Protein backbone atom coordinates (compact mmCIF):
# COMPACT_ATOMS: atom_id res chain seq x y z
CA MET A 1 52.67 64.93 100.71
CA THR A 2 49.15 63.52 100.99
CA LYS A 3 49.46 59.99 102.31
CA ARG A 4 47.44 57.18 100.75
CA GLU A 5 44.92 55.76 103.22
CA ILE A 6 44.70 52.01 103.86
CA ASP A 7 42.25 50.22 106.13
CA LEU A 8 44.62 47.31 106.89
CA LEU A 9 48.28 46.75 106.00
CA VAL A 10 49.92 43.31 106.17
CA LEU A 11 53.73 43.10 106.14
CA SER A 12 55.90 40.03 106.60
CA ASP A 13 59.44 38.75 106.13
CA ILE A 14 61.19 42.11 106.45
CA HIS A 15 64.25 40.51 108.09
CA LEU A 16 65.59 43.63 109.76
CA GLY A 17 69.19 43.07 110.80
CA THR A 18 70.24 41.19 107.65
CA TYR A 19 72.18 42.40 104.61
CA GLY A 20 69.32 41.51 102.27
CA CYS A 21 66.71 43.71 103.94
CA HIS A 22 65.52 46.70 101.85
CA ALA A 23 64.86 48.93 104.86
CA LYS A 24 65.17 52.25 103.01
CA GLU A 25 62.62 51.21 100.40
CA LEU A 26 60.28 49.97 103.13
CA LEU A 27 60.66 53.26 104.99
CA GLN A 28 59.79 55.17 101.81
CA TYR A 29 56.67 53.03 101.42
CA LEU A 30 55.62 53.46 105.05
CA LYS A 31 56.02 57.22 104.80
CA SER A 32 53.75 57.30 101.73
CA ILE A 33 50.74 55.60 103.39
CA LYS A 34 48.40 56.08 106.34
CA PRO A 35 47.17 52.69 107.59
CA LYS A 36 44.31 52.41 110.08
CA ALA A 37 45.68 49.07 111.33
CA VAL A 38 48.82 47.00 110.71
CA VAL A 39 49.57 43.27 110.88
CA LEU A 40 53.26 42.36 111.15
CA ASN A 41 53.08 38.75 110.04
CA GLY A 42 56.39 37.28 111.13
CA ASP A 43 60.14 37.51 110.48
CA ILE A 44 60.17 41.25 111.08
CA ILE A 45 63.47 41.30 113.01
CA ASP A 46 65.74 38.41 112.05
CA ILE A 47 66.81 37.24 115.51
CA TRP A 48 68.43 34.12 113.98
CA GLN A 49 71.06 36.23 112.23
CA PHE A 50 70.97 39.31 114.46
CA SER A 51 74.34 40.92 115.07
CA LYS A 52 75.21 44.17 116.82
CA ARG A 53 77.86 44.64 114.13
CA TYR A 54 75.15 45.06 111.49
CA TRP A 55 72.20 47.24 112.41
CA PRO A 56 72.09 50.20 109.98
CA PRO A 57 70.24 53.43 110.89
CA ALA A 58 67.60 52.75 108.21
CA HIS A 59 66.70 49.48 109.97
CA MET A 60 66.19 51.34 113.24
CA MET A 61 64.15 54.00 111.44
CA VAL A 62 61.69 51.33 110.31
CA VAL A 63 61.27 50.23 113.93
CA ARG A 64 60.91 53.86 115.04
CA HIS A 65 58.26 54.48 112.38
CA LEU A 66 56.26 51.51 113.66
CA THR A 67 56.58 52.64 117.29
CA GLY A 68 55.40 56.05 116.11
CA LEU A 69 52.22 54.43 114.79
CA ILE A 70 51.72 52.80 118.20
CA ALA A 71 52.12 56.20 119.85
CA LYS A 72 49.34 57.49 117.58
CA GLY A 73 47.07 54.64 118.68
CA VAL A 74 47.15 52.70 115.40
CA PRO A 75 46.39 49.01 116.19
CA ILE A 76 49.43 46.84 115.41
CA TYR A 77 49.26 43.05 115.63
CA TYR A 78 52.67 41.35 115.78
CA ILE A 79 52.51 37.68 114.74
CA PRO A 80 55.98 36.14 115.30
CA GLY A 81 57.52 33.93 112.62
CA ASN A 82 60.32 31.40 112.78
CA HIS A 83 63.09 34.04 112.61
CA ASP A 84 61.61 35.96 115.55
CA GLU A 85 60.04 32.96 117.27
CA MET A 86 61.32 33.91 120.73
CA LEU A 87 58.47 36.45 120.81
CA ARG A 88 55.91 33.63 120.70
CA LYS A 89 56.25 33.10 124.43
CA PHE A 90 54.77 36.60 124.83
CA ASN A 91 51.52 35.55 123.12
CA GLY A 92 48.74 37.80 124.42
CA PHE A 93 51.09 40.58 125.54
CA GLN A 94 49.69 44.05 124.92
CA MET A 95 51.22 47.49 125.25
CA GLY A 96 49.00 50.34 124.14
CA SER A 97 47.84 49.56 120.62
CA LEU A 98 50.50 46.85 120.11
CA LYS A 99 49.46 43.23 120.63
CA ILE A 100 51.55 40.07 120.17
CA CYS A 101 49.57 37.04 118.99
CA ASN A 102 50.59 33.77 117.37
CA LYS A 103 47.70 33.92 114.92
CA LEU A 104 44.87 36.30 114.14
CA SER A 105 41.24 35.63 113.25
CA ILE A 106 39.19 38.66 112.25
CA LYS A 107 36.13 39.59 110.25
CA LEU A 108 36.31 42.04 107.35
CA ASN A 109 33.10 43.06 105.61
CA GLY A 110 31.36 40.07 107.23
CA GLU A 111 33.94 37.53 105.98
CA LYS A 112 36.26 35.47 108.19
CA VAL A 113 39.99 36.10 107.71
CA TRP A 114 42.72 33.85 109.15
CA ILE A 115 46.23 35.36 109.40
CA PHE A 116 49.37 33.52 110.53
CA HIS A 117 53.02 33.34 109.47
CA GLY A 118 53.03 29.83 107.99
CA ASP A 119 56.19 28.12 109.29
CA VAL A 120 54.03 25.67 111.23
CA PHE A 121 53.58 23.84 107.90
CA ASP A 122 57.31 23.80 107.11
CA VAL A 123 58.60 20.25 107.68
CA VAL A 124 62.23 21.44 107.74
CA MET A 125 61.38 23.96 110.44
CA GLN A 126 59.57 21.41 112.57
CA HIS A 127 62.11 18.60 112.40
CA SER A 128 65.50 20.09 111.40
CA LYS A 129 65.71 23.61 112.80
CA TRP A 130 69.51 23.63 112.59
CA LEU A 131 69.26 22.89 108.85
CA ALA A 132 66.76 25.72 108.38
CA LYS A 133 69.09 28.16 110.19
CA LEU A 134 72.01 27.04 108.03
CA GLY A 135 69.85 27.61 104.96
CA ALA A 136 68.97 31.11 106.18
CA VAL A 137 72.66 32.04 106.39
CA GLY A 138 73.23 30.65 102.89
CA TYR A 139 70.25 32.61 101.58
CA ASP A 140 71.59 35.86 103.06
CA SER A 141 74.99 35.21 101.46
CA LEU A 142 73.30 34.56 98.12
CA ILE A 143 71.48 37.90 98.38
CA LEU A 144 74.80 39.70 99.02
CA ILE A 145 76.40 38.08 95.96
CA ASN A 146 73.26 38.85 93.93
CA ARG A 147 73.46 42.56 94.85
CA PHE A 148 77.07 42.77 93.62
CA VAL A 149 76.20 40.99 90.36
CA ASN A 150 73.21 43.30 89.83
CA PHE A 151 75.41 46.36 90.41
CA VAL A 152 77.76 45.20 87.64
CA SER A 153 74.85 44.12 85.43
CA ASP A 154 73.19 47.55 85.78
CA LYS A 155 76.44 49.27 84.79
CA LEU A 156 76.55 47.08 81.67
CA GLY A 157 72.89 47.88 80.90
CA ARG A 158 71.71 44.28 81.21
CA GLY A 159 69.17 44.81 84.02
CA LYS A 160 68.73 42.93 87.28
CA ILE A 161 68.36 39.22 87.89
CA SER A 162 67.38 37.22 90.98
CA PHE A 163 69.54 34.19 91.76
CA SER A 164 67.20 32.81 94.40
CA LYS A 165 64.13 33.15 92.15
CA LYS A 166 65.93 31.35 89.34
CA ILE A 167 66.97 28.60 91.74
CA LYS A 168 63.44 28.24 93.18
CA ASN A 169 61.84 28.26 89.73
CA GLY A 170 64.38 25.79 88.41
CA VAL A 171 64.19 23.26 91.21
CA LYS A 172 61.10 21.07 91.01
CA GLY A 173 61.29 20.30 94.72
CA ALA A 174 60.97 23.98 95.65
CA VAL A 175 57.99 24.45 93.35
CA ALA A 176 56.37 21.32 94.76
CA PHE A 177 56.98 22.55 98.32
CA ILE A 178 55.28 25.90 97.60
CA ASN A 179 52.32 24.16 95.97
CA LYS A 180 52.00 21.75 98.89
CA PHE A 181 52.25 24.63 101.38
CA GLU A 182 49.46 26.55 99.66
CA SER A 183 47.14 23.56 99.30
CA THR A 184 47.62 22.49 102.94
CA VAL A 185 46.95 26.00 104.25
CA CYS A 186 43.83 26.40 102.10
CA ASP A 187 42.44 22.98 102.96
CA ILE A 188 42.56 23.79 106.69
CA ALA A 189 41.13 27.28 106.06
CA THR A 190 38.10 25.99 104.14
CA SER A 191 37.44 23.26 106.70
CA ASN A 192 37.13 26.05 109.28
CA ASP A 193 34.87 28.23 107.11
CA TYR A 194 37.40 30.99 106.42
CA SER A 195 36.88 33.14 103.33
CA TYR A 196 40.48 34.36 103.33
CA VAL A 197 43.77 32.93 104.57
CA ILE A 198 46.86 35.14 104.75
CA CYS A 199 50.45 33.91 105.19
CA GLY A 200 54.06 34.94 104.73
CA HIS A 201 57.11 32.71 105.28
CA ILE A 202 57.77 31.38 101.76
CA HIS A 203 58.69 34.78 100.20
CA GLU A 204 56.24 34.17 97.37
CA PRO A 205 53.72 37.06 96.99
CA CYS A 206 50.39 35.79 95.78
CA MET A 207 46.65 36.39 95.52
CA LYS A 208 44.49 33.62 94.13
CA THR A 209 41.39 31.50 94.70
CA MET A 210 42.04 27.93 95.78
CA VAL A 211 39.43 25.17 95.54
CA THR A 212 39.51 22.31 98.05
CA GLU A 213 37.19 19.46 98.93
CA HIS A 214 35.62 21.72 101.57
CA GLY A 215 35.01 24.65 99.21
CA SER A 216 36.93 27.65 97.88
CA VAL A 217 39.05 30.22 99.70
CA ARG A 218 41.11 33.27 98.74
CA TYR A 219 44.79 32.61 99.45
CA LEU A 220 46.97 35.68 100.01
CA ASN A 221 50.71 35.84 100.70
CA SER A 222 52.39 39.14 101.52
CA GLY A 223 55.76 38.12 100.07
CA ASP A 224 58.86 39.79 101.55
CA TRP A 225 61.19 42.81 101.69
CA ILE A 226 64.30 40.93 100.63
CA GLU A 227 63.60 40.24 96.95
CA ASN A 228 60.01 41.07 96.05
CA LEU A 229 59.41 44.20 98.20
CA THR A 230 55.69 43.48 98.53
CA ALA A 231 52.82 43.86 101.01
CA LEU A 232 49.08 43.29 101.23
CA GLU A 233 46.68 46.20 101.46
CA TYR A 234 42.99 46.09 102.35
CA HIS A 235 40.93 49.19 101.56
CA ASN A 236 37.29 49.84 100.67
CA THR A 237 36.48 46.10 101.08
CA GLU A 238 39.12 45.03 98.52
CA TRP A 239 42.53 43.35 98.85
CA LYS A 240 45.50 44.45 96.76
CA LEU A 241 48.99 43.00 96.37
CA TYR A 242 51.34 45.97 96.66
CA ARG A 243 54.66 46.02 94.80
CA TYR A 244 57.22 48.72 95.56
CA GLN A 245 58.68 48.54 92.04
CA ASP A 246 55.28 49.63 90.65
CA ASP A 247 54.89 52.58 93.03
CA PRO A 248 56.56 55.77 91.76
CA VAL A 249 55.04 57.77 94.63
CA ALA A 250 56.88 55.74 97.30
CA GLN A 251 60.06 55.70 95.23
CA ALA A 252 59.96 59.50 95.09
CA VAL A 253 59.84 59.88 98.89
CA VAL A 254 62.98 61.68 99.98
CA LEU A 255 64.49 60.45 103.22
CA LYS A 256 66.21 63.30 105.02
CA SER A 257 69.80 62.56 105.91
CA SER A 258 68.96 63.51 109.51
CA HIS A 259 66.46 60.63 109.57
CA ILE A 260 69.08 58.03 108.75
CA ARG A 261 72.22 59.62 110.17
CA LYS A 262 74.90 57.27 111.40
CA GLN A 263 74.60 56.47 115.09
CA SER A 264 76.33 54.01 117.35
CA SER A 265 74.47 50.83 118.28
CA LYS A 266 74.17 52.11 121.85
CA GLU A 267 72.62 55.40 120.69
CA LEU A 268 70.16 53.59 118.43
CA PHE A 269 68.97 51.17 121.09
CA ASP A 270 68.86 53.82 123.82
CA ASN A 271 66.68 55.99 121.57
CA LEU A 272 64.40 53.05 120.78
CA LEU A 273 64.04 52.16 124.46
CA ALA A 274 63.18 55.78 125.28
CA GLU A 275 60.54 55.86 122.53
CA MET A 276 59.01 52.59 123.72
CA LYS A 277 58.70 54.03 127.23
CA MET A 278 57.08 57.18 125.83
CA THR A 279 54.71 55.06 123.77
CA ALA A 280 53.71 53.05 126.83
CA LYS A 281 53.00 56.24 128.81
CA ALA A 282 51.01 57.78 125.95
CA ASN A 283 48.72 54.75 125.81
CA THR A 284 48.09 54.36 129.55
């Protein structure tokens, strides 16, 4: 299969290690494209809810695919989020083409682009971390219930529904929070002369122009791989909001059973460690 080329891929809020993560669909997408550079914009591995009891082979295959890109010399910038925040203390760490940074400022086609996860603007995260963690567990449980309901609904021919989307859209406070988040981010971006600002965190994929007192800026949010299954792609000087549900090519990618065969946790992590060592050697 001829892979679709992308100049820059931005992924966020994958939440590997949780029941809600659509790792197989993400793996299909990754196998259908050929990015020249990748930004992992936070909450890639959900360390908050990580459990050795739940780490499916497909989740490890996503990690292995990314380490494979590193082995090929593809630049990968890992920007930690709140669910993988322990990696923030490694800010500046570099191994081959992988670099960990808490934020990223780059120029694309002569325009300044500011990329960061976005939890720094979350008041709950800053002042009540225990409440945010409790909410994360509740959200994961809601996703599990939602999957069961959708399974029954599909069998009855009624289509799928999203509980969390209905809740967010129906609660004025949630809508107000998202609007406040976006306006705050864009106000700071324009005051620092950025043409684009890219976030994740709120699981709300978006591309729009925001006008502030300092000027206008393009606000982009990569969404997530829990509900929306979205990413941001930059190619030929243009940004695009990618949606898995609209991509028949990725959906048609066949994952060989050998790629996702059942392995013990020890086998999976031993294999990953071995690949990381090989990647480090290949880039020295």
